[in-house]
C-alpha cells in the first residue's frame, strides 16, 4: 500500500477511471503505479506522452535493457520487475535475464549492449560523473550522437518514474510473483512485491495477465 491515499478502483470516475481502464487494457489489471497518479491523471498523461516520444526512437529490446540498467542503479524493484518481465517474455530465458540483471558486463550480451547499459547505470547513479570519455565510448561501440541522446533520455526518464514510485511507497504488483524464483529475487533489490491481490475496474475490458514465456 502506498504512503499516500489514492482513489479506490471501484470509486474511480471520469479521467481517473479512464486512466485505470487504459492501464488495465494493457496489463490485465490496474497497476499500483497508476493508483499513485489518481489525484493527477494529467501528469500520467504527460508522462506517457514523453515516454512514447522517447521509445519511438529505440529498438524495443534496447529500450528495455537501458531501462532495466537505470532501474538497477536506482534499486527500483517495481521498474526492474516490470521491464524485466517484458524482457523475459519477449527476448530472454530466465537464466539469461537473471545473469543480465546481476551483472550485464559478465554475460554474453553484445559489447555495444553492455556499454549502453553501463552508461545508463552511471547516469542513474550520478549524471554529473558522466565524462566526455563515457560518451566517446558509446561512439566507439557504434552509437551515433542521436542514439546516445536516446540512451541518456531513457535512463534519465526512468529516474523520474522510479524515484516517484519509491518516494510514495508504491510496491510492485502481485502479478510479478509469477516470475521464476531466482529471476524474481534478482529483480527485487528494493521494496518487496505487494501482497495485495491485483484489482480490476468493474465492467471494464480485462485481458489475461501477461506471463513469462
N, C-alpha and C. Protein backbone atom coordinates (compact mmCIF):
# COMPACT_ATOMS: atom_id res chain seq x y z
N UNK A 1 0.85 -1.19 0.00
CA UNK A 1 0.00 0.00 0.00
C UNK A 1 0.88 1.24 0.00
N UNK A 2 0.51 2.24 -0.80
CA UNK A 2 1.30 3.46 -0.91
C UNK A 2 1.22 4.27 0.38
N UNK A 3 2.15 5.20 0.53
CA UNK A 3 2.18 6.07 1.69
C UNK A 3 1.14 7.18 1.61
N UNK A 4 0.61 7.42 0.42
CA UNK A 4 -0.43 8.44 0.23
C UNK A 4 -1.74 7.76 -0.12
N UNK A 5 -2.84 8.41 0.19
CA UNK A 5 -4.14 7.87 -0.16
C UNK A 5 -4.35 7.98 -1.66
N UNK A 6 -4.99 6.99 -2.24
CA UNK A 6 -5.29 7.01 -3.66
C UNK A 6 -6.78 6.76 -3.86
N UNK A 7 -7.26 7.05 -5.04
CA UNK A 7 -8.69 6.85 -5.31
C UNK A 7 -8.93 5.36 -5.59
N UNK A 8 -9.77 4.71 -4.78
CA UNK A 8 -10.02 3.27 -4.97
C UNK A 8 -10.54 2.96 -6.37
N UNK A 9 -10.16 1.81 -6.86
CA UNK A 9 -10.53 1.42 -8.22
C UNK A 9 -12.04 1.44 -8.40
N UNK A 10 -12.76 0.93 -7.41
CA UNK A 10 -14.21 0.84 -7.56
C UNK A 10 -14.92 2.19 -7.44
N UNK A 11 -14.20 3.22 -7.00
CA UNK A 11 -14.79 4.56 -6.87
C UNK A 11 -14.32 5.51 -7.96
N UNK A 12 -13.46 5.06 -8.85
CA UNK A 12 -12.89 5.94 -9.86
C UNK A 12 -13.94 6.37 -10.88
N UNK A 13 -13.83 7.61 -11.29
CA UNK A 13 -14.74 8.13 -12.31
C UNK A 13 -13.98 9.10 -13.21
N UNK A 14 -14.63 9.48 -14.30
CA UNK A 14 -14.08 10.47 -15.23
C UNK A 14 -12.64 10.13 -15.64
N UNK A 15 -11.73 11.10 -15.54
CA UNK A 15 -10.35 10.92 -16.03
C UNK A 15 -9.61 9.81 -15.28
N UNK A 16 -9.91 9.66 -14.00
CA UNK A 16 -9.22 8.63 -13.22
C UNK A 16 -9.65 7.24 -13.69
N UNK A 17 -10.94 7.05 -13.87
CA UNK A 17 -11.41 5.75 -14.37
C UNK A 17 -10.83 5.46 -15.75
N UNK A 18 -10.78 6.49 -16.61
CA UNK A 18 -10.22 6.30 -17.94
C UNK A 18 -8.75 5.89 -17.87
N UNK A 19 -8.00 6.51 -16.95
CA UNK A 19 -6.60 6.15 -16.77
C UNK A 19 -6.47 4.71 -16.29
N UNK A 20 -7.28 4.33 -15.32
CA UNK A 20 -7.26 2.96 -14.81
C UNK A 20 -7.61 1.97 -15.93
N UNK A 21 -8.61 2.30 -16.73
CA UNK A 21 -9.03 1.40 -17.80
C UNK A 21 -7.93 1.23 -18.86
N UNK A 22 -7.22 2.31 -19.17
CA UNK A 22 -6.13 2.20 -20.15
C UNK A 22 -5.04 1.26 -19.63
N UNK A 23 -4.69 1.43 -18.37
CA UNK A 23 -3.67 0.56 -17.78
C UNK A 23 -4.15 -0.89 -17.75
N UNK A 24 -5.41 -1.09 -17.41
CA UNK A 24 -5.96 -2.44 -17.34
C UNK A 24 -6.01 -3.09 -18.72
N UNK A 25 -6.30 -2.31 -19.76
CA UNK A 25 -6.35 -2.85 -21.12
C UNK A 25 -4.98 -3.37 -21.55
N UNK A 26 -3.91 -2.80 -20.99
CA UNK A 26 -2.55 -3.22 -21.33
C UNK A 26 -2.09 -4.39 -20.48
N UNK A 27 -2.32 -4.31 -19.16
CA UNK A 27 -1.76 -5.27 -18.23
C UNK A 27 -2.73 -6.36 -17.75
N UNK A 28 -4.01 -6.08 -17.89
CA UNK A 28 -4.99 -7.03 -17.39
C UNK A 28 -5.50 -6.69 -16.00
N UNK A 29 -4.97 -5.66 -15.41
CA UNK A 29 -5.38 -5.21 -14.07
C UNK A 29 -4.92 -3.76 -13.91
N UNK A 30 -5.33 -3.11 -12.83
CA UNK A 30 -4.91 -1.74 -12.55
C UNK A 30 -3.63 -1.80 -11.72
N UNK A 31 -2.50 -1.38 -12.27
CA UNK A 31 -1.24 -1.48 -11.53
C UNK A 31 -1.17 -0.46 -10.40
N UNK A 32 -0.38 -0.79 -9.41
CA UNK A 32 -0.23 0.11 -8.27
C UNK A 32 0.32 1.47 -8.67
N UNK A 33 1.19 1.51 -9.68
CA UNK A 33 1.75 2.80 -10.06
C UNK A 33 0.68 3.73 -10.59
N UNK A 34 -0.33 3.20 -11.29
CA UNK A 34 -1.39 4.05 -11.82
C UNK A 34 -2.20 4.68 -10.69
N UNK A 35 -2.37 3.93 -9.61
CA UNK A 35 -3.13 4.45 -8.48
C UNK A 35 -2.46 5.68 -7.88
N UNK A 36 -1.13 5.73 -7.91
CA UNK A 36 -0.43 6.90 -7.38
C UNK A 36 -0.82 8.18 -8.12
N UNK A 37 -1.14 8.04 -9.39
CA UNK A 37 -1.46 9.21 -10.21
C UNK A 37 -2.95 9.55 -10.16
N UNK A 38 -3.70 8.92 -9.28
CA UNK A 38 -5.15 9.10 -9.29
C UNK A 38 -5.59 10.52 -8.97
N UNK A 39 -4.75 11.28 -8.23
CA UNK A 39 -5.10 12.67 -7.96
C UNK A 39 -4.60 13.61 -9.05
N UNK A 40 -3.73 13.10 -9.93
CA UNK A 40 -3.15 13.92 -11.00
C UNK A 40 -3.06 13.10 -12.30
N UNK A 41 -4.19 12.68 -12.83
CA UNK A 41 -4.14 11.86 -14.05
C UNK A 41 -3.52 12.59 -15.24
N UNK A 42 -3.57 13.93 -15.23
CA UNK A 42 -2.95 14.66 -16.34
C UNK A 42 -1.43 14.53 -16.32
N UNK A 43 -0.86 14.28 -15.12
CA UNK A 43 0.59 14.06 -15.06
C UNK A 43 0.93 12.71 -15.68
N UNK A 44 0.10 11.70 -15.43
CA UNK A 44 0.30 10.41 -16.07
C UNK A 44 0.20 10.53 -17.58
N UNK A 45 -0.75 11.33 -18.05
CA UNK A 45 -0.90 11.52 -19.49
C UNK A 45 0.35 12.17 -20.08
N UNK A 46 0.89 13.17 -19.38
CA UNK A 46 2.09 13.84 -19.86
C UNK A 46 3.29 12.89 -19.84
N UNK A 47 3.39 12.09 -18.77
CA UNK A 47 4.48 11.11 -18.67
C UNK A 47 4.39 10.09 -19.81
N UNK A 48 3.20 9.62 -20.08
CA UNK A 48 3.01 8.63 -21.15
C UNK A 48 3.39 9.20 -22.50
N UNK A 49 3.07 10.48 -22.71
CA UNK A 49 3.43 11.12 -23.98
C UNK A 49 4.94 11.27 -24.11
N UNK A 50 5.60 11.68 -23.03
CA UNK A 50 7.06 11.80 -23.04
C UNK A 50 7.70 10.45 -23.30
N UNK A 51 7.25 9.43 -22.59
CA UNK A 51 7.83 8.11 -22.74
C UNK A 51 7.63 7.58 -24.16
N UNK A 52 6.46 7.83 -24.71
CA UNK A 52 6.19 7.40 -26.08
C UNK A 52 7.12 8.06 -27.08
N UNK A 53 7.40 9.34 -26.86
CA UNK A 53 8.31 10.06 -27.76
C UNK A 53 9.73 9.51 -27.67
N UNK A 54 10.15 9.15 -26.46
CA UNK A 54 11.49 8.59 -26.28
C UNK A 54 11.57 7.19 -26.87
N UNK A 55 10.59 6.36 -26.58
CA UNK A 55 10.60 4.96 -27.02
C UNK A 55 10.54 4.84 -28.53
N UNK A 56 9.92 5.79 -29.19
CA UNK A 56 9.74 5.71 -30.64
C UNK A 56 11.06 5.65 -31.40
N UNK A 57 12.14 6.09 -30.76
CA UNK A 57 13.44 6.15 -31.43
C UNK A 57 14.32 4.94 -31.15
N UNK A 58 13.83 3.99 -30.36
CA UNK A 58 14.66 2.88 -29.92
C UNK A 58 14.06 1.53 -30.29
N UNK A 59 14.94 0.60 -30.62
CA UNK A 59 14.52 -0.78 -30.82
C UNK A 59 14.03 -1.30 -29.46
N UNK A 60 12.89 -2.00 -29.41
CA UNK A 60 12.28 -2.36 -28.13
C UNK A 60 13.21 -3.08 -27.15
N UNK A 61 14.00 -4.02 -27.62
CA UNK A 61 14.88 -4.75 -26.71
C UNK A 61 15.87 -3.80 -26.06
N UNK A 62 16.43 -2.91 -26.82
CA UNK A 62 17.40 -1.97 -26.25
C UNK A 62 16.74 -1.00 -25.30
N UNK A 63 15.54 -0.56 -25.61
CA UNK A 63 14.83 0.31 -24.68
C UNK A 63 14.65 -0.38 -23.33
N UNK A 64 14.27 -1.64 -23.35
CA UNK A 64 14.04 -2.37 -22.10
C UNK A 64 15.35 -2.60 -21.35
N UNK A 65 16.44 -2.89 -22.06
CA UNK A 65 17.73 -3.10 -21.40
C UNK A 65 18.23 -1.81 -20.73
N UNK A 66 18.09 -0.69 -21.43
CA UNK A 66 18.51 0.60 -20.85
C UNK A 66 17.70 0.89 -19.59
N UNK A 67 16.40 0.68 -19.68
CA UNK A 67 15.51 0.93 -18.55
C UNK A 67 15.86 0.01 -17.39
N UNK A 68 16.11 -1.26 -17.68
CA UNK A 68 16.49 -2.20 -16.63
C UNK A 68 17.77 -1.75 -15.94
N UNK A 69 18.74 -1.29 -16.73
CA UNK A 69 20.02 -0.85 -16.16
C UNK A 69 19.84 0.35 -15.25
N UNK A 70 19.05 1.33 -15.69
CA UNK A 70 18.81 2.51 -14.85
C UNK A 70 18.07 2.13 -13.58
N UNK A 71 17.06 1.27 -13.71
CA UNK A 71 16.30 0.83 -12.53
C UNK A 71 17.19 0.04 -11.57
N UNK A 72 18.13 -0.73 -12.11
CA UNK A 72 19.07 -1.48 -11.27
C UNK A 72 19.92 -0.52 -10.44
N UNK A 73 20.40 0.54 -11.06
CA UNK A 73 21.21 1.53 -10.34
C UNK A 73 20.39 2.23 -9.26
N UNK A 74 19.10 2.40 -9.52
CA UNK A 74 18.21 3.08 -8.58
C UNK A 74 17.62 2.15 -7.53
N UNK A 75 17.91 0.86 -7.63
CA UNK A 75 17.35 -0.15 -6.73
C UNK A 75 15.82 -0.11 -6.74
N UNK A 76 15.29 0.07 -7.92
CA UNK A 76 13.83 0.14 -8.08
C UNK A 76 13.29 -1.25 -8.40
N UNK A 77 12.74 -1.92 -7.41
CA UNK A 77 12.16 -3.23 -7.64
C UNK A 77 11.01 -3.15 -8.64
N UNK A 78 10.16 -2.16 -8.49
CA UNK A 78 8.99 -2.05 -9.36
C UNK A 78 9.41 -2.00 -10.82
N UNK A 79 10.34 -1.09 -11.14
CA UNK A 79 10.72 -0.91 -12.54
C UNK A 79 11.57 -2.07 -13.05
N UNK A 80 12.41 -2.66 -12.18
CA UNK A 80 13.17 -3.83 -12.62
C UNK A 80 12.23 -4.99 -12.92
N UNK A 81 11.24 -5.20 -12.08
CA UNK A 81 10.29 -6.29 -12.30
C UNK A 81 9.44 -6.04 -13.54
N UNK A 82 8.96 -4.83 -13.69
CA UNK A 82 8.08 -4.52 -14.83
C UNK A 82 8.81 -4.69 -16.15
N UNK A 83 10.00 -4.13 -16.24
CA UNK A 83 10.73 -4.19 -17.51
C UNK A 83 11.48 -5.51 -17.67
N UNK A 84 11.86 -6.10 -16.54
CA UNK A 84 12.41 -7.44 -16.59
C UNK A 84 11.38 -8.44 -17.12
N UNK A 85 10.13 -8.27 -16.72
CA UNK A 85 9.07 -9.17 -17.19
C UNK A 85 8.89 -9.07 -18.70
N UNK A 86 9.03 -7.87 -19.24
CA UNK A 86 8.94 -7.70 -20.70
C UNK A 86 10.11 -8.41 -21.38
N UNK A 87 11.31 -8.20 -20.85
CA UNK A 87 12.49 -8.86 -21.43
C UNK A 87 12.36 -10.38 -21.33
N UNK A 88 11.85 -10.86 -20.22
CA UNK A 88 11.67 -12.31 -20.04
C UNK A 88 10.66 -12.85 -21.03
N UNK A 89 9.58 -12.13 -21.23
CA UNK A 89 8.51 -12.60 -22.09
C UNK A 89 8.90 -12.57 -23.56
N UNK A 90 9.68 -11.57 -23.96
CA UNK A 90 9.91 -11.34 -25.38
C UNK A 90 11.31 -11.69 -25.90
N UNK A 91 12.31 -11.69 -25.00
CA UNK A 91 13.68 -11.76 -25.53
C UNK A 91 14.62 -12.78 -24.89
N UNK A 92 14.47 -13.08 -23.60
CA UNK A 92 15.48 -13.87 -22.92
C UNK A 92 14.86 -14.99 -22.07
N UNK A 93 15.66 -16.04 -21.86
CA UNK A 93 15.25 -17.07 -20.91
C UNK A 93 15.42 -16.53 -19.50
N UNK A 94 14.86 -17.24 -18.53
CA UNK A 94 15.00 -16.82 -17.13
C UNK A 94 16.46 -16.80 -16.72
N UNK A 95 17.23 -17.79 -17.15
CA UNK A 95 18.64 -17.86 -16.78
C UNK A 95 19.43 -16.72 -17.40
N UNK A 96 19.18 -16.43 -18.66
CA UNK A 96 19.88 -15.33 -19.33
C UNK A 96 19.57 -14.00 -18.65
N UNK A 97 18.31 -13.76 -18.37
CA UNK A 97 17.93 -12.47 -17.79
C UNK A 97 18.41 -12.34 -16.35
N UNK A 98 18.42 -13.41 -15.60
CA UNK A 98 18.95 -13.36 -14.24
C UNK A 98 20.41 -12.93 -14.27
N UNK A 99 21.18 -13.47 -15.21
CA UNK A 99 22.59 -13.10 -15.34
C UNK A 99 22.75 -11.64 -15.75
N UNK A 100 21.92 -11.19 -16.68
CA UNK A 100 21.98 -9.79 -17.12
C UNK A 100 21.67 -8.85 -15.97
N UNK A 101 20.64 -9.17 -15.20
CA UNK A 101 20.25 -8.32 -14.08
C UNK A 101 21.31 -8.30 -12.98
N UNK A 102 22.06 -9.38 -12.86
CA UNK A 102 23.10 -9.44 -11.84
C UNK A 102 24.33 -8.64 -12.25
N UNK A 103 24.78 -8.81 -13.51
CA UNK A 103 25.97 -8.10 -13.99
C UNK A 103 26.00 -8.16 -15.51
N UNK A 104 25.50 -7.13 -16.19
CA UNK A 104 25.47 -7.16 -17.66
C UNK A 104 26.83 -7.37 -18.30
N UNK A 105 27.89 -6.87 -17.67
CA UNK A 105 29.22 -6.97 -18.25
C UNK A 105 29.75 -8.40 -18.23
N UNK A 106 29.18 -9.25 -17.39
CA UNK A 106 29.67 -10.62 -17.25
C UNK A 106 28.87 -11.61 -18.08
N UNK A 107 28.02 -11.14 -18.97
CA UNK A 107 27.17 -12.01 -19.77
C UNK A 107 27.66 -12.03 -21.22
N UNK A 108 26.93 -12.75 -22.07
CA UNK A 108 27.28 -12.79 -23.49
C UNK A 108 26.52 -11.74 -24.30
N UNK A 109 26.07 -10.69 -23.63
CA UNK A 109 25.49 -9.56 -24.36
C UNK A 109 26.51 -9.00 -25.34
N UNK A 110 26.03 -8.44 -26.44
CA UNK A 110 26.93 -7.76 -27.37
C UNK A 110 27.65 -6.63 -26.63
N UNK A 111 28.93 -6.38 -26.93
CA UNK A 111 29.66 -5.31 -26.24
C UNK A 111 28.94 -3.97 -26.30
N UNK A 112 28.26 -3.69 -27.40
CA UNK A 112 27.53 -2.42 -27.51
C UNK A 112 26.38 -2.36 -26.52
N UNK A 113 25.69 -3.48 -26.32
CA UNK A 113 24.60 -3.52 -25.35
C UNK A 113 25.12 -3.35 -23.92
N UNK A 114 26.22 -4.02 -23.61
CA UNK A 114 26.80 -3.90 -22.27
C UNK A 114 27.26 -2.47 -22.02
N UNK A 115 27.85 -1.83 -23.02
CA UNK A 115 28.31 -0.45 -22.87
C UNK A 115 27.13 0.50 -22.67
N UNK A 116 26.09 0.27 -23.41
CA UNK A 116 24.87 1.07 -23.29
C UNK A 116 24.28 0.96 -21.89
N UNK A 117 24.24 -0.25 -21.35
CA UNK A 117 23.70 -0.45 -20.01
C UNK A 117 24.61 0.17 -18.94
N UNK A 118 25.91 0.07 -19.12
CA UNK A 118 26.84 0.66 -18.16
C UNK A 118 26.68 2.18 -18.13
N UNK A 119 26.48 2.78 -19.29
CA UNK A 119 26.27 4.23 -19.36
C UNK A 119 24.98 4.60 -18.64
N UNK A 120 23.92 3.84 -18.86
CA UNK A 120 22.63 4.12 -18.23
C UNK A 120 22.73 4.00 -16.71
N UNK A 121 23.45 3.00 -16.23
CA UNK A 121 23.63 2.84 -14.78
C UNK A 121 24.41 4.01 -14.19
N UNK A 122 25.47 4.41 -14.87
CA UNK A 122 26.28 5.51 -14.35
C UNK A 122 25.46 6.79 -14.31
N UNK A 123 24.68 7.02 -15.34
CA UNK A 123 23.82 8.22 -15.38
C UNK A 123 22.85 8.21 -14.21
N UNK A 124 22.21 7.05 -13.97
CA UNK A 124 21.21 6.98 -12.91
C UNK A 124 21.83 7.17 -11.53
N UNK A 125 23.06 6.69 -11.35
CA UNK A 125 23.72 6.84 -10.05
C UNK A 125 24.19 8.27 -9.82
N UNK A 126 24.81 8.87 -10.85
CA UNK A 126 25.36 10.22 -10.69
C UNK A 126 25.66 10.78 -12.08
N UNK A 127 24.69 11.49 -12.64
CA UNK A 127 24.85 12.01 -14.00
C UNK A 127 26.01 12.99 -14.11
N UNK A 128 26.33 13.66 -13.00
CA UNK A 128 27.44 14.61 -13.04
C UNK A 128 28.79 13.90 -13.19
N UNK A 129 28.82 12.60 -12.98
CA UNK A 129 30.06 11.83 -13.13
C UNK A 129 30.30 11.40 -14.58
N UNK A 130 29.31 11.57 -15.45
CA UNK A 130 29.48 11.23 -16.86
C UNK A 130 30.53 12.16 -17.47
N UNK A 131 31.46 11.60 -18.24
CA UNK A 131 32.54 12.37 -18.86
C UNK A 131 32.45 12.28 -20.38
N UNK A 132 33.24 13.10 -21.04
CA UNK A 132 33.34 13.00 -22.50
C UNK A 132 33.81 11.61 -22.91
N UNK A 133 34.67 11.03 -22.09
CA UNK A 133 35.18 9.70 -22.41
C UNK A 133 34.06 8.66 -22.39
N UNK A 134 33.10 8.82 -21.48
CA UNK A 134 31.96 7.90 -21.43
C UNK A 134 31.14 7.99 -22.72
N UNK A 135 30.92 9.21 -23.17
CA UNK A 135 30.16 9.41 -24.42
C UNK A 135 30.96 8.88 -25.60
N UNK A 136 32.26 9.14 -25.60
CA UNK A 136 33.10 8.65 -26.69
C UNK A 136 33.10 7.12 -26.73
N UNK A 137 33.05 6.50 -25.56
CA UNK A 137 33.00 5.04 -25.52
C UNK A 137 31.76 4.51 -26.25
N UNK A 138 30.64 5.19 -26.09
CA UNK A 138 29.44 4.78 -26.82
C UNK A 138 29.63 4.97 -28.32
N UNK A 139 30.26 6.07 -28.72
CA UNK A 139 30.57 6.26 -30.15
C UNK A 139 31.45 5.12 -30.66
N UNK A 140 32.43 4.75 -29.85
CA UNK A 140 33.34 3.68 -30.25
C UNK A 140 32.63 2.35 -30.41
N UNK A 141 31.50 2.20 -29.74
CA UNK A 141 30.70 0.97 -29.87
C UNK A 141 29.66 1.09 -30.98
N UNK A 142 29.73 2.16 -31.75
CA UNK A 142 28.88 2.29 -32.93
C UNK A 142 27.65 3.14 -32.79
N UNK A 143 27.48 3.81 -31.65
CA UNK A 143 26.31 4.65 -31.47
C UNK A 143 26.53 6.05 -32.03
N UNK A 144 25.56 6.51 -32.82
CA UNK A 144 25.58 7.89 -33.29
C UNK A 144 25.15 8.81 -32.15
N UNK A 145 25.44 10.09 -32.30
CA UNK A 145 25.11 11.03 -31.22
C UNK A 145 23.61 11.07 -30.94
N UNK A 146 22.79 10.96 -31.96
CA UNK A 146 21.34 10.94 -31.73
C UNK A 146 20.95 9.72 -30.91
N UNK A 147 21.60 8.59 -31.14
CA UNK A 147 21.31 7.39 -30.37
C UNK A 147 21.80 7.53 -28.92
N UNK A 148 22.91 8.23 -28.75
CA UNK A 148 23.40 8.48 -27.39
C UNK A 148 22.39 9.35 -26.63
N UNK A 149 21.83 10.32 -27.32
CA UNK A 149 20.75 11.11 -26.70
C UNK A 149 19.61 10.20 -26.26
N UNK A 150 19.22 9.26 -27.13
CA UNK A 150 18.11 8.36 -26.79
C UNK A 150 18.42 7.52 -25.56
N UNK A 151 19.64 7.03 -25.45
CA UNK A 151 20.06 6.25 -24.28
C UNK A 151 19.96 7.11 -23.02
N UNK A 152 20.52 8.32 -23.10
CA UNK A 152 20.50 9.21 -21.94
C UNK A 152 19.08 9.61 -21.57
N UNK A 153 18.25 9.88 -22.56
CA UNK A 153 16.86 10.28 -22.29
C UNK A 153 16.09 9.15 -21.62
N UNK A 154 16.32 7.92 -22.08
CA UNK A 154 15.63 6.77 -21.49
C UNK A 154 16.03 6.59 -20.03
N UNK A 155 17.33 6.65 -19.76
CA UNK A 155 17.80 6.48 -18.38
C UNK A 155 17.36 7.62 -17.48
N UNK A 156 17.41 8.84 -18.00
CA UNK A 156 17.00 10.00 -17.20
C UNK A 156 15.51 9.96 -16.89
N UNK A 157 14.71 9.56 -17.87
CA UNK A 157 13.27 9.46 -17.64
C UNK A 157 12.96 8.42 -16.56
N UNK A 158 13.73 7.34 -16.55
CA UNK A 158 13.49 6.31 -15.53
C UNK A 158 13.77 6.83 -14.13
N UNK A 159 14.71 7.75 -14.02
CA UNK A 159 14.99 8.33 -12.69
C UNK A 159 13.75 9.01 -12.14
N UNK A 160 13.05 9.75 -12.99
CA UNK A 160 11.82 10.41 -12.54
C UNK A 160 10.80 9.39 -12.04
N UNK A 161 10.52 8.38 -12.86
CA UNK A 161 9.44 7.46 -12.53
C UNK A 161 9.79 6.57 -11.34
N UNK A 162 10.98 5.99 -11.36
CA UNK A 162 11.38 5.09 -10.27
C UNK A 162 11.42 5.82 -8.93
N UNK A 163 11.99 7.01 -8.93
CA UNK A 163 12.10 7.75 -7.68
C UNK A 163 10.73 8.19 -7.17
N UNK A 164 9.85 8.56 -8.08
CA UNK A 164 8.49 8.95 -7.66
C UNK A 164 7.78 7.77 -7.00
N UNK A 165 7.85 6.60 -7.63
CA UNK A 165 7.16 5.44 -7.07
C UNK A 165 7.74 5.05 -5.72
N UNK A 166 9.06 5.02 -5.60
CA UNK A 166 9.66 4.64 -4.32
C UNK A 166 9.41 5.69 -3.25
N UNK A 167 9.44 6.97 -3.63
CA UNK A 167 9.23 8.03 -2.64
C UNK A 167 7.84 7.96 -2.03
N UNK A 168 6.86 7.49 -2.79
CA UNK A 168 5.48 7.43 -2.30
C UNK A 168 5.06 6.02 -1.89
N UNK A 169 6.04 5.10 -1.86
CA UNK A 169 5.79 3.79 -1.27
C UNK A 169 5.08 2.78 -2.14
N UNK A 170 5.08 2.98 -3.45
CA UNK A 170 4.39 2.01 -4.31
C UNK A 170 5.16 0.70 -4.36
N UNK A 171 4.47 -0.41 -4.18
CA UNK A 171 5.08 -1.73 -4.29
C UNK A 171 4.71 -2.37 -5.62
N UNK A 172 5.62 -3.15 -6.15
CA UNK A 172 5.36 -3.85 -7.41
C UNK A 172 4.14 -4.74 -7.28
N UNK A 173 3.40 -4.87 -8.35
CA UNK A 173 2.14 -5.61 -8.34
C UNK A 173 2.36 -7.09 -8.05
N UNK A 174 1.40 -7.68 -7.38
CA UNK A 174 1.47 -9.10 -7.01
C UNK A 174 1.60 -10.01 -8.23
N UNK A 175 1.22 -9.52 -9.40
CA UNK A 175 1.33 -10.33 -10.62
C UNK A 175 2.76 -10.76 -10.89
N UNK A 176 3.75 -10.00 -10.40
CA UNK A 176 5.15 -10.35 -10.67
C UNK A 176 5.61 -11.56 -9.87
N UNK A 177 4.78 -12.05 -8.98
CA UNK A 177 5.10 -13.30 -8.29
C UNK A 177 5.14 -14.47 -9.27
N UNK A 178 4.61 -14.29 -10.48
CA UNK A 178 4.60 -15.34 -11.49
C UNK A 178 5.98 -15.59 -12.08
N UNK A 179 6.90 -14.66 -11.91
CA UNK A 179 8.25 -14.84 -12.44
C UNK A 179 8.98 -15.96 -11.70
N UNK A 180 9.95 -16.54 -12.37
CA UNK A 180 10.76 -17.60 -11.77
C UNK A 180 11.48 -17.08 -10.53
N UNK A 181 11.65 -17.94 -9.53
CA UNK A 181 12.14 -17.51 -8.23
C UNK A 181 13.50 -16.81 -8.28
N UNK A 182 14.49 -17.41 -8.94
CA UNK A 182 15.82 -16.81 -8.99
C UNK A 182 15.78 -15.45 -9.69
N UNK A 183 15.06 -15.39 -10.78
CA UNK A 183 14.93 -14.13 -11.51
C UNK A 183 14.22 -13.09 -10.66
N UNK A 184 13.15 -13.49 -10.03
CA UNK A 184 12.36 -12.58 -9.20
C UNK A 184 13.23 -11.98 -8.09
N UNK A 185 14.05 -12.80 -7.46
CA UNK A 185 14.93 -12.29 -6.41
C UNK A 185 15.92 -11.27 -6.97
N UNK A 186 16.45 -11.53 -8.15
CA UNK A 186 17.43 -10.63 -8.74
C UNK A 186 16.80 -9.30 -9.15
N UNK A 187 15.52 -9.34 -9.46
CA UNK A 187 14.81 -8.14 -9.91
C UNK A 187 14.15 -7.37 -8.77
N UNK A 188 14.40 -7.78 -7.54
CA UNK A 188 13.74 -7.14 -6.39
C UNK A 188 14.79 -6.66 -5.39
N UNK A 189 15.58 -5.64 -5.76
CA UNK A 189 16.65 -5.16 -4.87
C UNK A 189 16.17 -4.16 -3.83
N UNK A 190 14.97 -3.62 -4.01
CA UNK A 190 14.47 -2.58 -3.11
C UNK A 190 13.20 -3.01 -2.41
N UNK A 191 12.12 -2.28 -2.65
CA UNK A 191 10.85 -2.60 -2.00
C UNK A 191 10.35 -3.98 -2.43
N UNK A 192 9.66 -4.68 -1.54
CA UNK A 192 9.16 -6.02 -1.86
C UNK A 192 7.95 -5.96 -2.79
N UNK A 193 7.63 -7.09 -3.37
CA UNK A 193 6.41 -7.22 -4.16
C UNK A 193 5.20 -7.14 -3.23
N UNK A 194 4.17 -6.48 -3.69
CA UNK A 194 2.96 -6.31 -2.88
C UNK A 194 2.31 -7.65 -2.57
N UNK A 195 1.75 -7.75 -1.39
CA UNK A 195 0.99 -8.95 -1.01
C UNK A 195 -0.51 -8.78 -1.31
N UNK A 196 -0.89 -7.60 -1.76
CA UNK A 196 -2.30 -7.36 -2.06
C UNK A 196 -2.64 -7.86 -3.45
N UNK A 197 -3.75 -8.51 -3.58
CA UNK A 197 -4.19 -9.00 -4.88
C UNK A 197 -4.42 -7.84 -5.85
N UNK A 198 -4.18 -8.08 -7.12
CA UNK A 198 -4.40 -7.03 -8.12
C UNK A 198 -5.89 -6.73 -8.21
N UNK A 199 -6.20 -5.51 -8.65
CA UNK A 199 -7.58 -5.07 -8.75
C UNK A 199 -7.92 -4.76 -10.20
N UNK A 200 -9.22 -4.82 -10.49
CA UNK A 200 -9.69 -4.52 -11.84
C UNK A 200 -10.88 -3.57 -11.78
N UNK A 201 -11.00 -2.73 -12.80
CA UNK A 201 -12.11 -1.79 -12.88
C UNK A 201 -13.39 -2.57 -13.19
N UNK A 202 -14.42 -2.45 -12.37
CA UNK A 202 -15.67 -3.17 -12.63
C UNK A 202 -16.26 -2.80 -13.98
N UNK A 203 -16.57 -3.81 -14.77
CA UNK A 203 -17.24 -3.57 -16.04
C UNK A 203 -16.33 -3.15 -17.18
N UNK A 204 -15.01 -3.03 -16.93
CA UNK A 204 -14.08 -2.61 -17.97
C UNK A 204 -13.45 -3.82 -18.64
N UNK A 205 -12.84 -3.58 -19.79
CA UNK A 205 -12.17 -4.65 -20.53
C UNK A 205 -11.08 -5.29 -19.67
N UNK A 206 -11.01 -6.60 -19.70
CA UNK A 206 -9.99 -7.34 -18.97
C UNK A 206 -9.30 -8.29 -19.94
N UNK A 207 -7.98 -8.27 -19.94
CA UNK A 207 -7.24 -9.25 -20.74
C UNK A 207 -6.41 -10.10 -19.79
N UNK A 208 -5.97 -11.22 -20.27
CA UNK A 208 -5.19 -12.12 -19.40
C UNK A 208 -3.90 -11.45 -18.99
N UNK A 209 -3.55 -11.57 -17.71
CA UNK A 209 -2.30 -11.01 -17.23
C UNK A 209 -1.13 -11.65 -17.93
N UNK A 210 -0.21 -10.85 -18.53
CA UNK A 210 0.94 -11.43 -19.23
C UNK A 210 1.75 -12.34 -18.31
N UNK A 211 2.18 -13.47 -18.84
CA UNK A 211 3.00 -14.41 -18.08
C UNK A 211 4.34 -14.60 -18.79
N UNK A 212 5.38 -14.97 -18.06
CA UNK A 212 6.64 -15.29 -18.70
C UNK A 212 6.46 -16.43 -19.68
N UNK A 213 7.19 -16.37 -20.81
CA UNK A 213 7.08 -17.44 -21.82
C UNK A 213 8.31 -18.33 -21.78
